[in-house]
Amino acid sequence: MESLHQLFLIRHSIRRYTDQPVAADDVKTIIEAALLSPSSKSARPWQFVVVEDKNTLEQLSQCKTHGTVPVKGCAFAVVVTADPGRSDVYVEDSTVAAIMMHLQAADLGIGSCWIQVRGRSDATGEDSEQVVRELLDIPSHMAVECIVTFGYSAENRRPVDPAKLLWEKVHIGKWTTPAAE
């Protein structure tokens, strides 16, 4: 990649993947990025479950009512969990780890997509965290934040046009309200 900024412009959430497997070294590099992520007070409350088995991925895709299509078709997924007892900002810490994996994957030419789990439910109304926890034998004290899917993109996405960035959402020094609001 030319630069981190260039990576930001080309990275998109990928929801459709090819059947091409991801090399073990690339999987390791993506997980390493998560393990390198910063956390509050270096608590490192996160833990990760790497899932490559297609049957398990199919079952994971049923953990909530919608938005899980990428789980079925990905080469592998990482379930991001965290221990709330280790950090009061475990949600933020696990989110940082997830985005580190997204960026590392993009740098390797691998697509990814965030699938929210915390605060969601499946078609029967069961808590999505509990569904994932039971399927993967995750201990009850661990919170399940998200599933991040990975694979080679079966979509053609254009880079973001920097001219279309929402600069009106940036306030310098203090909040300012445009006259049109």
N, C-alpha and C. Protein backbone atom coordinates (compact mmCIF):
# COMPACT_ATOMS: atom_id res chain seq x y z
N MET A 1 0.84 -1.18 0.00
CA MET A 1 0.00 0.00 0.00
C MET A 1 0.89 1.24 0.00
N GLU A 2 0.47 2.22 -0.76
CA GLU A 2 1.26 3.46 -0.86
C GLU A 2 1.33 4.20 0.46
N SER A 3 0.17 4.35 1.13
CA SER A 3 0.13 5.07 2.39
C SER A 3 -1.11 4.65 3.17
N LEU A 4 -1.11 4.94 4.44
CA LEU A 4 -2.28 4.64 5.27
C LEU A 4 -3.50 5.41 4.77
N HIS A 5 -3.29 6.66 4.37
CA HIS A 5 -4.40 7.47 3.86
C HIS A 5 -5.00 6.83 2.61
N GLN A 6 -4.16 6.34 1.72
CA GLN A 6 -4.64 5.67 0.52
C GLN A 6 -5.48 4.43 0.90
N LEU A 7 -5.03 3.71 1.93
CA LEU A 7 -5.78 2.55 2.42
C LEU A 7 -7.17 2.96 2.90
N PHE A 8 -7.25 4.09 3.60
CA PHE A 8 -8.54 4.58 4.06
C PHE A 8 -9.48 4.87 2.89
N LEU A 9 -8.94 5.37 1.80
CA LEU A 9 -9.75 5.71 0.64
C LEU A 9 -10.27 4.48 -0.10
N ILE A 10 -9.52 3.39 -0.08
CA ILE A 10 -9.94 2.21 -0.85
C ILE A 10 -10.68 1.15 -0.02
N ARG A 11 -10.55 1.20 1.31
CA ARG A 11 -11.17 0.17 2.14
C ARG A 11 -12.68 0.36 2.24
N HIS A 12 -13.41 -0.70 2.01
CA HIS A 12 -14.87 -0.73 2.14
C HIS A 12 -15.26 -1.99 2.89
N SER A 13 -16.43 -2.01 3.46
CA SER A 13 -16.96 -3.26 4.01
C SER A 13 -17.35 -4.15 2.85
N ILE A 14 -16.86 -5.38 2.88
CA ILE A 14 -17.12 -6.34 1.80
C ILE A 14 -18.11 -7.38 2.32
N ARG A 15 -19.18 -7.56 1.58
CA ARG A 15 -20.24 -8.47 2.01
C ARG A 15 -20.34 -9.72 1.15
N ARG A 16 -19.63 -9.75 0.03
CA ARG A 16 -19.60 -10.93 -0.84
C ARG A 16 -18.15 -11.28 -1.13
N TYR A 17 -17.84 -12.56 -0.94
CA TYR A 17 -16.47 -13.04 -1.08
C TYR A 17 -16.37 -14.13 -2.14
N THR A 18 -15.17 -14.28 -2.70
CA THR A 18 -14.89 -15.40 -3.60
C THR A 18 -14.66 -16.65 -2.76
N ASP A 19 -14.47 -17.77 -3.42
CA ASP A 19 -14.18 -19.04 -2.72
C ASP A 19 -12.70 -19.22 -2.41
N GLN A 20 -11.88 -18.27 -2.82
CA GLN A 20 -10.43 -18.39 -2.61
C GLN A 20 -10.09 -18.38 -1.12
N PRO A 21 -9.36 -19.37 -0.66
CA PRO A 21 -8.96 -19.37 0.76
C PRO A 21 -7.91 -18.30 1.04
N VAL A 22 -7.82 -17.90 2.28
CA VAL A 22 -6.81 -16.94 2.71
C VAL A 22 -5.64 -17.74 3.29
N ALA A 23 -4.44 -17.41 2.86
CA ALA A 23 -3.24 -18.13 3.31
C ALA A 23 -3.09 -18.02 4.83
N ALA A 24 -2.60 -19.10 5.42
CA ALA A 24 -2.42 -19.16 6.88
C ALA A 24 -1.54 -18.02 7.39
N ASP A 25 -0.51 -17.65 6.64
CA ASP A 25 0.36 -16.55 7.06
C ASP A 25 -0.40 -15.23 7.10
N ASP A 26 -1.34 -15.03 6.16
CA ASP A 26 -2.14 -13.81 6.15
C ASP A 26 -3.13 -13.80 7.32
N VAL A 27 -3.71 -14.96 7.63
CA VAL A 27 -4.60 -15.05 8.79
C VAL A 27 -3.82 -14.68 10.04
N LYS A 28 -2.61 -15.23 10.17
CA LYS A 28 -1.77 -14.93 11.33
C LYS A 28 -1.46 -13.44 11.43
N THR A 29 -1.14 -12.82 10.30
CA THR A 29 -0.83 -11.39 10.28
C THR A 29 -2.03 -10.56 10.72
N ILE A 30 -3.22 -10.94 10.29
CA ILE A 30 -4.44 -10.23 10.68
C ILE A 30 -4.68 -10.36 12.19
N ILE A 31 -4.50 -11.56 12.71
CA ILE A 31 -4.68 -11.77 14.16
C ILE A 31 -3.60 -11.02 14.94
N GLU A 32 -2.41 -11.02 14.41
CA GLU A 32 -1.32 -10.29 15.07
C GLU A 32 -1.67 -8.80 15.20
N ALA A 33 -2.31 -8.24 14.17
CA ALA A 33 -2.72 -6.84 14.23
C ALA A 33 -3.66 -6.61 15.41
N ALA A 34 -4.58 -7.55 15.64
CA ALA A 34 -5.50 -7.43 16.78
C ALA A 34 -4.73 -7.48 18.09
N LEU A 35 -3.77 -8.40 18.18
CA LEU A 35 -2.99 -8.54 19.40
C LEU A 35 -2.08 -7.34 19.66
N LEU A 36 -1.77 -6.59 18.61
CA LEU A 36 -0.95 -5.38 18.74
C LEU A 36 -1.78 -4.14 19.07
N SER A 37 -3.10 -4.28 19.05
CA SER A 37 -3.95 -3.10 19.24
C SER A 37 -3.81 -2.53 20.65
N PRO A 38 -3.87 -1.21 20.73
CA PRO A 38 -3.79 -0.58 22.05
C PRO A 38 -5.07 -0.83 22.84
N SER A 39 -4.94 -0.80 24.15
CA SER A 39 -6.11 -0.92 25.03
C SER A 39 -5.88 -0.04 26.25
N SER A 40 -6.97 0.37 26.85
CA SER A 40 -6.88 1.25 28.01
C SER A 40 -6.07 0.59 29.12
N LYS A 41 -5.09 1.33 29.62
CA LYS A 41 -4.22 0.86 30.71
C LYS A 41 -3.54 -0.46 30.38
N SER A 42 -3.39 -0.75 29.08
CA SER A 42 -2.81 -2.02 28.60
C SER A 42 -3.49 -3.23 29.22
N ALA A 43 -4.80 -3.13 29.46
CA ALA A 43 -5.55 -4.22 30.08
C ALA A 43 -5.70 -5.42 29.15
N ARG A 44 -5.74 -5.15 27.85
CA ARG A 44 -5.92 -6.20 26.85
C ARG A 44 -7.05 -7.16 27.25
N PRO A 45 -8.27 -6.63 27.39
CA PRO A 45 -9.38 -7.46 27.85
C PRO A 45 -9.94 -8.39 26.77
N TRP A 46 -9.48 -8.21 25.54
CA TRP A 46 -10.02 -8.96 24.40
C TRP A 46 -9.42 -10.35 24.27
N GLN A 47 -10.24 -11.22 23.65
CA GLN A 47 -9.79 -12.53 23.19
C GLN A 47 -10.53 -12.78 21.89
N PHE A 48 -9.97 -13.64 21.05
CA PHE A 48 -10.48 -13.83 19.70
C PHE A 48 -10.68 -15.30 19.39
N VAL A 49 -11.77 -15.60 18.69
CA VAL A 49 -12.03 -16.96 18.23
C VAL A 49 -12.01 -16.92 16.71
N VAL A 50 -11.05 -17.63 16.10
CA VAL A 50 -10.93 -17.71 14.65
C VAL A 50 -11.76 -18.90 14.18
N VAL A 51 -12.67 -18.65 13.23
CA VAL A 51 -13.56 -19.70 12.74
C VAL A 51 -13.38 -19.85 11.24
N GLU A 52 -12.99 -21.05 10.81
CA GLU A 52 -12.82 -21.34 9.39
C GLU A 52 -13.79 -22.41 8.89
N ASP A 53 -14.33 -23.20 9.80
CA ASP A 53 -15.23 -24.30 9.43
C ASP A 53 -16.52 -23.75 8.82
N LYS A 54 -16.85 -24.19 7.60
CA LYS A 54 -18.01 -23.66 6.87
C LYS A 54 -19.32 -23.94 7.60
N ASN A 55 -19.45 -25.10 8.22
CA ASN A 55 -20.67 -25.42 8.97
C ASN A 55 -20.84 -24.47 10.16
N THR A 56 -19.74 -24.21 10.85
CA THR A 56 -19.80 -23.29 12.00
C THR A 56 -20.11 -21.88 11.53
N LEU A 57 -19.52 -21.47 10.41
CA LEU A 57 -19.82 -20.14 9.86
C LEU A 57 -21.30 -20.03 9.50
N GLU A 58 -21.85 -21.08 8.92
CA GLU A 58 -23.28 -21.10 8.58
C GLU A 58 -24.12 -20.93 9.85
N GLN A 59 -23.75 -21.63 10.92
CA GLN A 59 -24.48 -21.51 12.17
C GLN A 59 -24.33 -20.11 12.77
N LEU A 60 -23.12 -19.55 12.68
CA LEU A 60 -22.89 -18.18 13.18
C LEU A 60 -23.76 -17.18 12.44
N SER A 61 -24.01 -17.44 11.16
CA SER A 61 -24.79 -16.50 10.35
C SER A 61 -26.25 -16.42 10.82
N GLN A 62 -26.65 -17.32 11.70
CA GLN A 62 -28.02 -17.31 12.23
C GLN A 62 -28.11 -16.59 13.58
N CYS A 63 -27.02 -15.95 14.01
CA CYS A 63 -26.99 -15.36 15.35
C CYS A 63 -27.84 -14.11 15.50
N LYS A 64 -28.28 -13.53 14.39
CA LYS A 64 -29.17 -12.38 14.48
C LYS A 64 -30.06 -12.34 13.25
N THR A 65 -31.06 -11.47 13.26
CA THR A 65 -32.10 -11.52 12.24
C THR A 65 -31.67 -11.03 10.86
N HIS A 66 -30.72 -10.11 10.79
CA HIS A 66 -30.27 -9.63 9.48
C HIS A 66 -28.84 -9.10 9.59
N GLY A 67 -28.22 -8.91 8.43
CA GLY A 67 -26.87 -8.35 8.39
C GLY A 67 -25.77 -9.37 8.55
N THR A 68 -26.10 -10.66 8.43
CA THR A 68 -25.08 -11.69 8.65
C THR A 68 -24.69 -12.44 7.37
N VAL A 69 -25.18 -12.02 6.22
CA VAL A 69 -24.86 -12.70 4.96
C VAL A 69 -23.35 -12.88 4.76
N PRO A 70 -22.51 -11.90 5.10
CA PRO A 70 -21.07 -12.09 4.89
C PRO A 70 -20.48 -13.27 5.67
N VAL A 71 -21.11 -13.66 6.77
CA VAL A 71 -20.57 -14.76 7.58
C VAL A 71 -20.63 -16.06 6.81
N LYS A 72 -21.70 -16.29 6.06
CA LYS A 72 -21.85 -17.53 5.30
C LYS A 72 -20.78 -17.70 4.23
N GLY A 73 -20.41 -16.62 3.58
CA GLY A 73 -19.54 -16.74 2.41
C GLY A 73 -18.09 -16.40 2.63
N CYS A 74 -17.69 -16.06 3.85
CA CYS A 74 -16.31 -15.63 4.08
C CYS A 74 -15.35 -16.81 4.15
N ALA A 75 -14.08 -16.53 3.96
CA ALA A 75 -13.04 -17.56 4.10
C ALA A 75 -12.85 -17.91 5.58
N PHE A 76 -12.90 -16.90 6.43
CA PHE A 76 -12.82 -17.11 7.87
C PHE A 76 -13.40 -15.90 8.58
N ALA A 77 -13.73 -16.09 9.83
CA ALA A 77 -14.26 -15.00 10.64
C ALA A 77 -13.54 -15.00 11.98
N VAL A 78 -13.51 -13.83 12.59
CA VAL A 78 -12.95 -13.69 13.93
C VAL A 78 -14.04 -13.14 14.83
N VAL A 79 -14.34 -13.88 15.88
CA VAL A 79 -15.30 -13.42 16.87
C VAL A 79 -14.49 -12.67 17.92
N VAL A 80 -14.85 -11.40 18.11
CA VAL A 80 -14.13 -10.53 19.04
C VAL A 80 -14.90 -10.52 20.36
N THR A 81 -14.22 -10.96 21.42
CA THR A 81 -14.80 -11.00 22.75
C THR A 81 -13.94 -10.17 23.69
N ALA A 82 -14.50 -9.83 24.84
CA ALA A 82 -13.73 -9.09 25.84
C ALA A 82 -14.29 -9.38 27.22
N ASP A 83 -13.43 -9.25 28.21
CA ASP A 83 -13.80 -9.49 29.60
C ASP A 83 -14.11 -8.15 30.27
N PRO A 84 -15.40 -7.87 30.53
CA PRO A 84 -15.77 -6.61 31.18
C PRO A 84 -15.13 -6.44 32.56
N GLY A 85 -14.74 -7.52 33.20
CA GLY A 85 -14.10 -7.44 34.51
C GLY A 85 -12.68 -6.93 34.45
N ARG A 86 -12.07 -6.95 33.27
CA ARG A 86 -10.69 -6.49 33.13
C ARG A 86 -10.60 -5.01 32.75
N SER A 87 -11.69 -4.46 32.20
CA SER A 87 -11.63 -3.07 31.76
C SER A 87 -13.04 -2.49 31.67
N ASP A 88 -13.21 -1.26 32.15
CA ASP A 88 -14.52 -0.62 32.04
C ASP A 88 -14.76 -0.10 30.62
N VAL A 89 -13.73 -0.11 29.79
CA VAL A 89 -13.87 0.32 28.39
C VAL A 89 -13.60 -0.86 27.44
N TYR A 90 -14.07 -2.03 27.84
CA TYR A 90 -13.86 -3.23 27.03
C TYR A 90 -14.49 -3.12 25.64
N VAL A 91 -15.62 -2.41 25.52
CA VAL A 91 -16.26 -2.23 24.22
C VAL A 91 -15.31 -1.45 23.30
N GLU A 92 -14.77 -0.36 23.81
CA GLU A 92 -13.86 0.45 23.00
C GLU A 92 -12.58 -0.35 22.66
N ASP A 93 -12.04 -1.05 23.66
CA ASP A 93 -10.83 -1.83 23.42
C ASP A 93 -11.05 -2.91 22.36
N SER A 94 -12.18 -3.60 22.41
CA SER A 94 -12.43 -4.64 21.42
C SER A 94 -12.73 -4.03 20.05
N THR A 95 -13.33 -2.84 20.04
CA THR A 95 -13.58 -2.16 18.77
C THR A 95 -12.28 -1.76 18.10
N VAL A 96 -11.33 -1.26 18.87
CA VAL A 96 -10.02 -0.90 18.31
C VAL A 96 -9.35 -2.15 17.72
N ALA A 97 -9.41 -3.27 18.42
CA ALA A 97 -8.81 -4.51 17.91
C ALA A 97 -9.46 -4.92 16.59
N ALA A 98 -10.78 -4.78 16.51
CA ALA A 98 -11.49 -5.14 15.28
C ALA A 98 -11.06 -4.25 14.11
N ILE A 99 -10.97 -2.95 14.34
CA ILE A 99 -10.57 -2.06 13.24
C ILE A 99 -9.13 -2.29 12.83
N MET A 100 -8.28 -2.67 13.77
CA MET A 100 -6.90 -3.00 13.42
C MET A 100 -6.87 -4.19 12.45
N MET A 101 -7.74 -5.18 12.69
CA MET A 101 -7.83 -6.32 11.78
C MET A 101 -8.35 -5.89 10.41
N HIS A 102 -9.36 -5.02 10.40
CA HIS A 102 -9.89 -4.50 9.12
C HIS A 102 -8.78 -3.86 8.30
N LEU A 103 -8.02 -2.99 8.93
CA LEU A 103 -6.97 -2.26 8.22
C LEU A 103 -5.85 -3.19 7.76
N GLN A 104 -5.47 -4.14 8.61
CA GLN A 104 -4.43 -5.08 8.21
C GLN A 104 -4.89 -5.92 7.03
N ALA A 105 -6.13 -6.39 7.07
CA ALA A 105 -6.67 -7.18 5.96
C ALA A 105 -6.65 -6.37 4.67
N ALA A 106 -7.10 -5.12 4.73
CA ALA A 106 -7.12 -4.28 3.53
C ALA A 106 -5.72 -4.11 2.97
N ASP A 107 -4.74 -3.94 3.84
CA ASP A 107 -3.36 -3.80 3.40
C ASP A 107 -2.87 -5.06 2.68
N LEU A 108 -3.42 -6.21 3.05
CA LEU A 108 -3.05 -7.48 2.41
C LEU A 108 -3.90 -7.78 1.18
N GLY A 109 -4.84 -6.88 0.86
CA GLY A 109 -5.72 -7.12 -0.29
C GLY A 109 -6.89 -8.04 0.04
N ILE A 110 -7.20 -8.16 1.31
CA ILE A 110 -8.27 -9.04 1.78
C ILE A 110 -9.42 -8.17 2.28
N GLY A 111 -10.63 -8.52 1.87
CA GLY A 111 -11.81 -7.78 2.29
C GLY A 111 -12.27 -8.19 3.68
N SER A 112 -13.08 -7.33 4.31
CA SER A 112 -13.60 -7.63 5.64
C SER A 112 -14.91 -6.88 5.86
N CYS A 113 -15.66 -7.37 6.87
CA CYS A 113 -16.92 -6.71 7.23
C CYS A 113 -17.19 -6.93 8.71
N TRP A 114 -17.62 -5.89 9.39
CA TRP A 114 -18.00 -5.93 10.80
C TRP A 114 -19.44 -6.42 10.89
N ILE A 115 -19.69 -7.42 11.72
CA ILE A 115 -21.03 -7.91 12.00
C ILE A 115 -21.29 -7.67 13.49
N GLN A 116 -22.15 -6.73 13.80
CA GLN A 116 -22.44 -6.40 15.20
C GLN A 116 -23.15 -7.56 15.88
N VAL A 117 -22.75 -7.90 17.10
CA VAL A 117 -23.40 -8.96 17.88
C VAL A 117 -23.99 -8.38 19.16
N ARG A 118 -23.20 -7.62 19.91
CA ARG A 118 -23.65 -7.05 21.18
C ARG A 118 -24.91 -6.22 20.95
N GLY A 119 -25.92 -6.47 21.76
CA GLY A 119 -27.16 -5.70 21.67
C GLY A 119 -28.11 -6.15 20.58
N ARG A 120 -27.87 -7.31 19.98
CA ARG A 120 -28.73 -7.82 18.92
C ARG A 120 -29.38 -9.13 19.37
N SER A 121 -30.36 -9.62 18.58
CA SER A 121 -31.00 -10.89 18.89
C SER A 121 -31.28 -11.68 17.62
N ASP A 122 -31.49 -12.99 17.78
CA ASP A 122 -31.75 -13.84 16.62
C ASP A 122 -33.24 -13.86 16.30
N ALA A 123 -33.64 -14.67 15.34
CA ALA A 123 -35.03 -14.71 14.87
C ALA A 123 -36.01 -15.14 15.95
N THR A 124 -35.53 -15.86 16.97
CA THR A 124 -36.41 -16.31 18.04
C THR A 124 -36.44 -15.33 19.21
N GLY A 125 -35.64 -14.26 19.12
CA GLY A 125 -35.57 -13.28 20.19
C GLY A 125 -34.45 -13.54 21.18
N GLU A 126 -33.70 -14.63 20.98
CA GLU A 126 -32.59 -14.93 21.88
C GLU A 126 -31.44 -13.95 21.65
N ASP A 127 -30.79 -13.56 22.72
CA ASP A 127 -29.66 -12.64 22.68
C ASP A 127 -28.55 -13.19 21.77
N SER A 128 -28.12 -12.40 20.80
CA SER A 128 -27.10 -12.85 19.84
C SER A 128 -25.79 -13.23 20.52
N GLU A 129 -25.42 -12.49 21.56
CA GLU A 129 -24.19 -12.85 22.29
C GLU A 129 -24.29 -14.26 22.84
N GLN A 130 -25.44 -14.59 23.40
CA GLN A 130 -25.62 -15.92 23.98
C GLN A 130 -25.58 -17.00 22.90
N VAL A 131 -26.17 -16.73 21.75
CA VAL A 131 -26.15 -17.68 20.63
C VAL A 131 -24.71 -17.98 20.24
N VAL A 132 -23.91 -16.94 20.06
CA VAL A 132 -22.50 -17.10 19.67
C VAL A 132 -21.72 -17.77 20.79
N ARG A 133 -21.95 -17.34 22.01
CA ARG A 133 -21.26 -17.90 23.17
C ARG A 133 -21.47 -19.42 23.24
N GLU A 134 -22.72 -19.86 23.09
CA GLU A 134 -23.03 -21.30 23.17
C GLU A 134 -22.43 -22.06 22.00
N LEU A 135 -22.51 -21.50 20.81
CA LEU A 135 -21.99 -22.18 19.62
C LEU A 135 -20.48 -22.41 19.70
N LEU A 136 -19.76 -21.44 20.26
CA LEU A 136 -18.29 -21.50 20.27
C LEU A 136 -17.70 -21.81 21.65
N ASP A 137 -18.55 -22.17 22.61
CA ASP A 137 -18.09 -22.50 23.96
C ASP A 137 -17.32 -21.35 24.63
N ILE A 138 -17.78 -20.13 24.39
CA ILE A 138 -17.16 -18.94 24.99
C ILE A 138 -17.65 -18.84 26.43
N PRO A 139 -16.75 -18.63 27.38
CA PRO A 139 -17.17 -18.54 28.79
C PRO A 139 -18.20 -17.43 29.01
N SER A 140 -19.07 -17.64 29.99
CA SER A 140 -20.19 -16.72 30.23
C SER A 140 -19.75 -15.32 30.66
N HIS A 141 -18.55 -15.18 31.23
CA HIS A 141 -18.11 -13.85 31.67
C HIS A 141 -17.55 -13.00 30.52
N MET A 142 -17.40 -13.60 29.34
CA MET A 142 -16.86 -12.86 28.19
C MET A 142 -18.00 -12.24 27.39
N ALA A 143 -17.89 -10.95 27.09
CA ALA A 143 -18.85 -10.26 26.23
C ALA A 143 -18.45 -10.51 24.77
N VAL A 144 -19.44 -10.68 23.92
CA VAL A 144 -19.18 -10.87 22.49
C VAL A 144 -19.55 -9.56 21.80
N GLU A 145 -18.54 -8.88 21.27
CA GLU A 145 -18.77 -7.59 20.63
C GLU A 145 -19.24 -7.74 19.19
N CYS A 146 -18.47 -8.49 18.40
CA CYS A 146 -18.75 -8.56 16.97
C CYS A 146 -18.11 -9.79 16.35
N ILE A 147 -18.48 -10.02 15.10
CA ILE A 147 -17.82 -11.00 14.25
C ILE A 147 -17.25 -10.20 13.10
N VAL A 148 -15.98 -10.40 12.79
CA VAL A 148 -15.38 -9.75 11.63
C VAL A 148 -15.12 -10.83 10.60
N THR A 149 -15.69 -10.65 9.41
CA THR A 149 -15.52 -11.62 8.33
C THR A 149 -14.37 -11.21 7.43
N PHE A 150 -13.72 -12.21 6.81
CA PHE A 150 -12.58 -11.95 5.94
C PHE A 150 -12.63 -12.85 4.71
N GLY A 151 -12.14 -12.34 3.60
CA GLY A 151 -12.04 -13.12 2.37
C GLY A 151 -11.69 -12.19 1.22
N TYR A 152 -11.51 -12.79 0.06
CA TYR A 152 -11.21 -12.00 -1.12
C TYR A 152 -12.52 -11.49 -1.72
N SER A 153 -12.56 -10.23 -2.04
CA SER A 153 -13.77 -9.55 -2.46
C SER A 153 -14.31 -10.08 -3.79
N ALA A 154 -15.62 -10.30 -3.81
CA ALA A 154 -16.33 -10.62 -5.05
C ALA A 154 -17.12 -9.38 -5.50
N GLU A 155 -16.76 -8.23 -4.97
CA GLU A 155 -17.40 -6.95 -5.31
C GLU A 155 -16.37 -6.00 -5.88
N ASN A 156 -16.80 -5.14 -6.78
CA ASN A 156 -15.94 -4.07 -7.27
C ASN A 156 -16.39 -2.77 -6.63
N ARG A 157 -15.55 -2.22 -5.81
CA ARG A 157 -15.89 -0.98 -5.10
C ARG A 157 -14.90 0.11 -5.52
N ARG A 158 -15.41 1.28 -5.76
CA ARG A 158 -14.56 2.41 -6.11
C ARG A 158 -14.01 3.07 -4.86
N PRO A 159 -12.82 3.65 -4.95
CA PRO A 159 -12.29 4.39 -3.81
C PRO A 159 -13.23 5.55 -3.44
N VAL A 160 -13.17 5.95 -2.21
CA VAL A 160 -13.95 7.10 -1.74
C VAL A 160 -13.40 8.35 -2.43
N ASP A 161 -14.30 9.23 -2.85
CA ASP A 161 -13.90 10.50 -3.44
C ASP A 161 -13.71 11.51 -2.30
N PRO A 162 -12.46 11.95 -2.05
CA PRO A 162 -12.23 12.88 -0.94
C PRO A 162 -13.05 14.17 -1.04
N ALA A 163 -13.47 14.54 -2.26
CA ALA A 163 -14.28 15.74 -2.43
C ALA A 163 -15.67 15.58 -1.80
N LYS A 164 -16.07 14.33 -1.52
CA LYS A 164 -17.40 14.07 -0.96
C LYS A 164 -17.38 13.85 0.55
N LEU A 165 -16.25 14.12 1.17
CA LEU A 165 -16.18 13.98 2.63
C LEU A 165 -17.05 15.05 3.29
N LEU A 166 -17.61 14.73 4.42
CA LEU A 166 -18.57 15.61 5.10
C LEU A 166 -17.86 16.58 6.05
N TRP A 167 -17.14 17.52 5.49
CA TRP A 167 -16.37 18.47 6.30
C TRP A 167 -17.26 19.33 7.18
N GLU A 168 -18.55 19.44 6.85
CA GLU A 168 -19.46 20.22 7.69
C GLU A 168 -19.65 19.57 9.07
N LYS A 169 -19.20 18.36 9.22
CA LYS A 169 -19.29 17.66 10.51
C LYS A 169 -18.06 17.90 11.39
N VAL A 170 -17.15 18.73 10.92
CA VAL A 170 -15.94 19.05 11.67
C VAL A 170 -16.08 20.46 12.25
N HIS A 171 -15.85 20.59 13.54
CA HIS A 171 -15.94 21.87 14.23
C HIS A 171 -14.55 22.19 14.80
N ILE A 172 -14.08 23.40 14.58
CA ILE A 172 -12.75 23.79 15.03
C ILE A 172 -12.88 24.70 16.25
N GLY A 173 -12.22 24.29 17.33
CA GLY A 173 -12.20 25.11 18.54
C GLY A 173 -13.43 24.93 19.42
N LYS A 174 -14.61 25.03 18.83
CA LYS A 174 -15.85 24.79 19.55
C LYS A 174 -16.93 24.47 18.53
N TRP A 175 -18.05 23.97 19.02
CA TRP A 175 -19.16 23.59 18.15
C TRP A 175 -19.72 24.83 17.48
N THR A 176 -19.92 24.76 16.20
CA THR A 176 -20.53 25.85 15.46
C THR A 176 -21.74 25.31 14.70
N THR A 177 -22.78 26.09 14.62
CA THR A 177 -23.98 25.68 13.93
C THR A 177 -24.14 26.55 12.69
N PRO A 178 -24.15 25.91 11.51
CA PRO A 178 -24.34 26.69 10.28
C PRO A 178 -25.70 27.38 10.28
N ALA A 179 -25.80 28.50 9.62
CA ALA A 179 -27.03 29.30 9.58
C ALA A 179 -28.20 28.51 9.01
N ALA A 180 -27.95 27.55 8.12
CA ALA A 180 -29.03 26.78 7.47
C ALA A 180 -29.71 25.81 8.43
N GLU A 181 -29.09 25.46 9.55
CA GLU A 181 -29.72 24.51 10.48
C GLU A 181 -30.76 25.21 11.22
